[in-house]
């Protein structure tokens, strides 16, 4: 399921937060929407494994993880910043 399919599904259910942010260039790494008591409003969740695999097309796996850790995981753009599942 890609970002647009997920958005459509949850918008139909009036569940998706329209302010939920995405990580540019990693739509194919979205694995769903997360919600819960400590989350103000539903946001996207990404597979770290898929992100590392995507980045590894252009760099070594170690470089890919370092890039992910510094540039993606550490980025914070407010309460609607996506989450990343360590699924490897």
C-alpha atoms as a PDB file:
ATOM      1  CA  UNK A   1       0.000   0.000   0.000  1.00  0.00           C
ATOM      2  CA  UNK A   2       1.499   3.376  -0.967  1.00  0.00           C
ATOM      3  CA  UNK A   3       1.090   6.750   0.746  1.00  0.00           C
ATOM      4  CA  UNK A   4      -1.859   7.820  -1.401  1.00  0.00           C
ATOM      5  CA  UNK A   5      -3.726   4.554  -0.827  1.00  0.00           C
ATOM      6  CA  UNK A   6      -3.145   4.803   2.920  1.00  0.00           C
ATOM      7  CA  UNK A   7      -4.246   8.451   2.959  1.00  0.00           C
ATOM      8  CA  UNK A   8      -7.399   7.650   0.979  1.00  0.00           C
ATOM      9  CA  UNK A   9      -8.286   4.736   3.240  1.00  0.00           C
ATOM     10  CA  UNK A  10      -7.905   6.700   6.450  1.00  0.00           C
ATOM     11  CA  UNK A  11      -9.506   9.861   5.045  1.00  0.00           C
ATOM     12  CA  UNK A  12     -12.569   7.796   4.148  1.00  0.00           C
ATOM     13  CA  UNK A  13     -12.645   6.627   7.754  1.00  0.00           C
ATOM     14  CA  UNK A  14     -12.077  10.255   8.897  1.00  0.00           C
ATOM     15  CA  UNK A  15      -9.100   8.945  10.851  1.00  0.00           C
ATOM     16  CA  UNK A  16      -6.046  10.509   9.200  1.00  0.00           C
ATOM     17  CA  UNK A  17      -4.744  13.788  10.521  1.00  0.00           C
ATOM     18  CA  UNK A  18      -4.561  16.118   7.495  1.00  0.00           C
ATOM     19  CA  UNK A  19      -1.452  17.735   9.041  1.00  0.00           C
ATOM     20  CA  UNK A  20       0.449  14.416   9.272  1.00  0.00           C
ATOM     21  CA  UNK A  21       3.898  14.906   7.753  1.00  0.00           C
ATOM     22  CA  UNK A  22       5.774  12.526   5.475  1.00  0.00           C
ATOM     23  CA  UNK A  23       9.455  11.830   4.840  1.00  0.00           C
ATOM     24  CA  UNK A  24      10.182  13.084   1.312  1.00  0.00           C
ATOM     25  CA  UNK A  25      11.184  10.374  -1.123  1.00  0.00           C
ATOM     26  CA  UNK A  26      10.195   7.448   1.075  1.00  0.00           C
ATOM     27  CA  UNK A  27       6.508   6.948   0.273  1.00  0.00           C
ATOM     28  CA  UNK A  28       7.156   3.272  -0.506  1.00  0.00           C
ATOM     29  CA  UNK A  29       8.496   2.847   3.055  1.00  0.00           C
ATOM     30  CA  UNK A  30       5.234   3.847   4.784  1.00  0.00           C
ATOM     31  CA  UNK A  31       3.768   0.857   6.583  1.00  0.00           C
ATOM     32  CA  UNK A  32       0.733   2.494   8.144  1.00  0.00           C
ATOM     33  CA  UNK A  33      -0.718   5.049  10.508  1.00  0.00           C
ATOM     34  CA  UNK A  34      -0.083   5.084  14.243  1.00  0.00           C
ATOM     35  CA  UNK A  35      -2.388   6.402  16.952  1.00  0.00           C
ATOM     36  CA  UNK A  36      -2.589   6.052  20.687  1.00  0.00           C
ATOM     37  CA  UNK A  37      -2.954   7.741  24.041  1.00  0.00           C
ATOM     38  CA  UNK A  38       0.374   9.587  23.845  1.00  0.00           C
ATOM     39  CA  UNK A  39      -0.111  10.698  20.228  1.00  0.00           C
ATOM     40  CA  UNK A  40      -2.173  13.839  19.702  1.00  0.00           C
ATOM     41  CA  UNK A  41      -3.468  12.768  16.296  1.00  0.00           C
ATOM     42  CA  UNK A  42      -2.783   9.862  13.884  1.00  0.00           C
ATOM     43  CA  UNK A  43       0.547  10.087  12.012  1.00  0.00           C
ATOM     44  CA  UNK A  44       2.477   8.034   9.469  1.00  0.00           C
ATOM     45  CA  UNK A  45       4.846   5.254  10.493  1.00  0.00           C
ATOM     46  CA  UNK A  46       7.736   4.075   8.335  1.00  0.00           C
ATOM     47  CA  UNK A  47       9.743   0.861   8.127  1.00  0.00           C
ATOM     48  CA  UNK A  48      13.389   1.536   8.969  1.00  0.00           C
ATOM     49  CA  UNK A  49      14.347  -1.613   7.052  1.00  0.00           C
ATOM     50  CA  UNK A  50      12.690  -0.291   3.909  1.00  0.00           C
ATOM     51  CA  UNK A  51      14.332   3.119   4.336  1.00  0.00           C
ATOM     52  CA  UNK A  52      17.785   1.536   4.737  1.00  0.00           C
ATOM     53  CA  UNK A  53      17.160  -0.681   1.692  1.00  0.00           C
ATOM     54  CA  UNK A  54      16.105   2.350  -0.332  1.00  0.00           C
ATOM     55  CA  UNK A  55      19.142   4.378   0.728  1.00  0.00           C
ATOM     56  CA  UNK A  56      21.462   1.406   0.107  1.00  0.00           C
ATOM     57  CA  UNK A  57      20.807   1.698  -3.619  1.00  0.00           C
ATOM     58  CA  UNK A  58      23.119   4.717  -3.641  1.00  0.00           C
ATOM     59  CA  UNK A  59      25.447   4.023  -0.686  1.00  0.00           C
ATOM     60  CA  UNK A  60      26.767   1.223   1.521  1.00  0.00           C
ATOM     61  CA  UNK A  61      24.452  -0.157   4.232  1.00  0.00           C
ATOM     62  CA  UNK A  62      26.589   1.505   6.925  1.00  0.00           C
ATOM     63  CA  UNK A  63      26.413   4.849   5.137  1.00  0.00           C
ATOM     64  CA  UNK A  64      22.672   4.353   4.647  1.00  0.00           C
ATOM     65  CA  UNK A  65      22.098   3.747   8.357  1.00  0.00           C
ATOM     66  CA  UNK A  66      24.264   6.737   9.288  1.00  0.00           C
ATOM     67  CA  UNK A  67      22.321   8.926   6.844  1.00  0.00           C
ATOM     68  CA  UNK A  68      18.995   7.637   8.204  1.00  0.00           C
ATOM     69  CA  UNK A  69      20.073   8.154  11.817  1.00  0.00           C
ATOM     70  CA  UNK A  70      21.371  11.685  11.351  1.00  0.00           C
ATOM     71  CA  UNK A  71      19.079  13.109   8.654  1.00  0.00           C
ATOM     72  CA  UNK A  72      15.787  11.259   8.989  1.00  0.00           C
ATOM     73  CA  UNK A  73      15.339   9.769  12.461  1.00  0.00           C
ATOM     74  CA  UNK A  74      16.719  12.857  14.183  1.00  0.00           C
ATOM     75  CA  UNK A  75      14.572  15.313  12.233  1.00  0.00           C
ATOM     76  CA  UNK A  76      11.709  16.834  14.199  1.00  0.00           C
ATOM     77  CA  UNK A  77       9.139  19.084  12.575  1.00  0.00           C
ATOM     78  CA  UNK A  78       6.582  19.265  15.347  1.00  0.00           C
ATOM     79  CA  UNK A  79       4.014  16.935  16.803  1.00  0.00           C
ATOM     80  CA  UNK A  80       2.981  15.551  13.406  1.00  0.00           C
ATOM     81  CA  UNK A  81       6.482  14.308  12.518  1.00  0.00           C
ATOM     82  CA  UNK A  82       6.290  10.654  11.377  1.00  0.00           C
ATOM     83  CA  UNK A  83       7.517   7.726  13.475  1.00  0.00           C
ATOM     84  CA  UNK A  84       9.980   5.040  12.406  1.00  0.00           C
ATOM     85  CA  UNK A  85       9.627   1.362  13.289  1.00  0.00           C
ATOM     86  CA  UNK A  86      12.916  -0.475  13.910  1.00  0.00           C
ATOM     87  CA  UNK A  87      11.754  -3.638  12.140  1.00  0.00           C
ATOM     88  CA  UNK A  88      15.035  -5.297  11.201  1.00  0.00           C
END
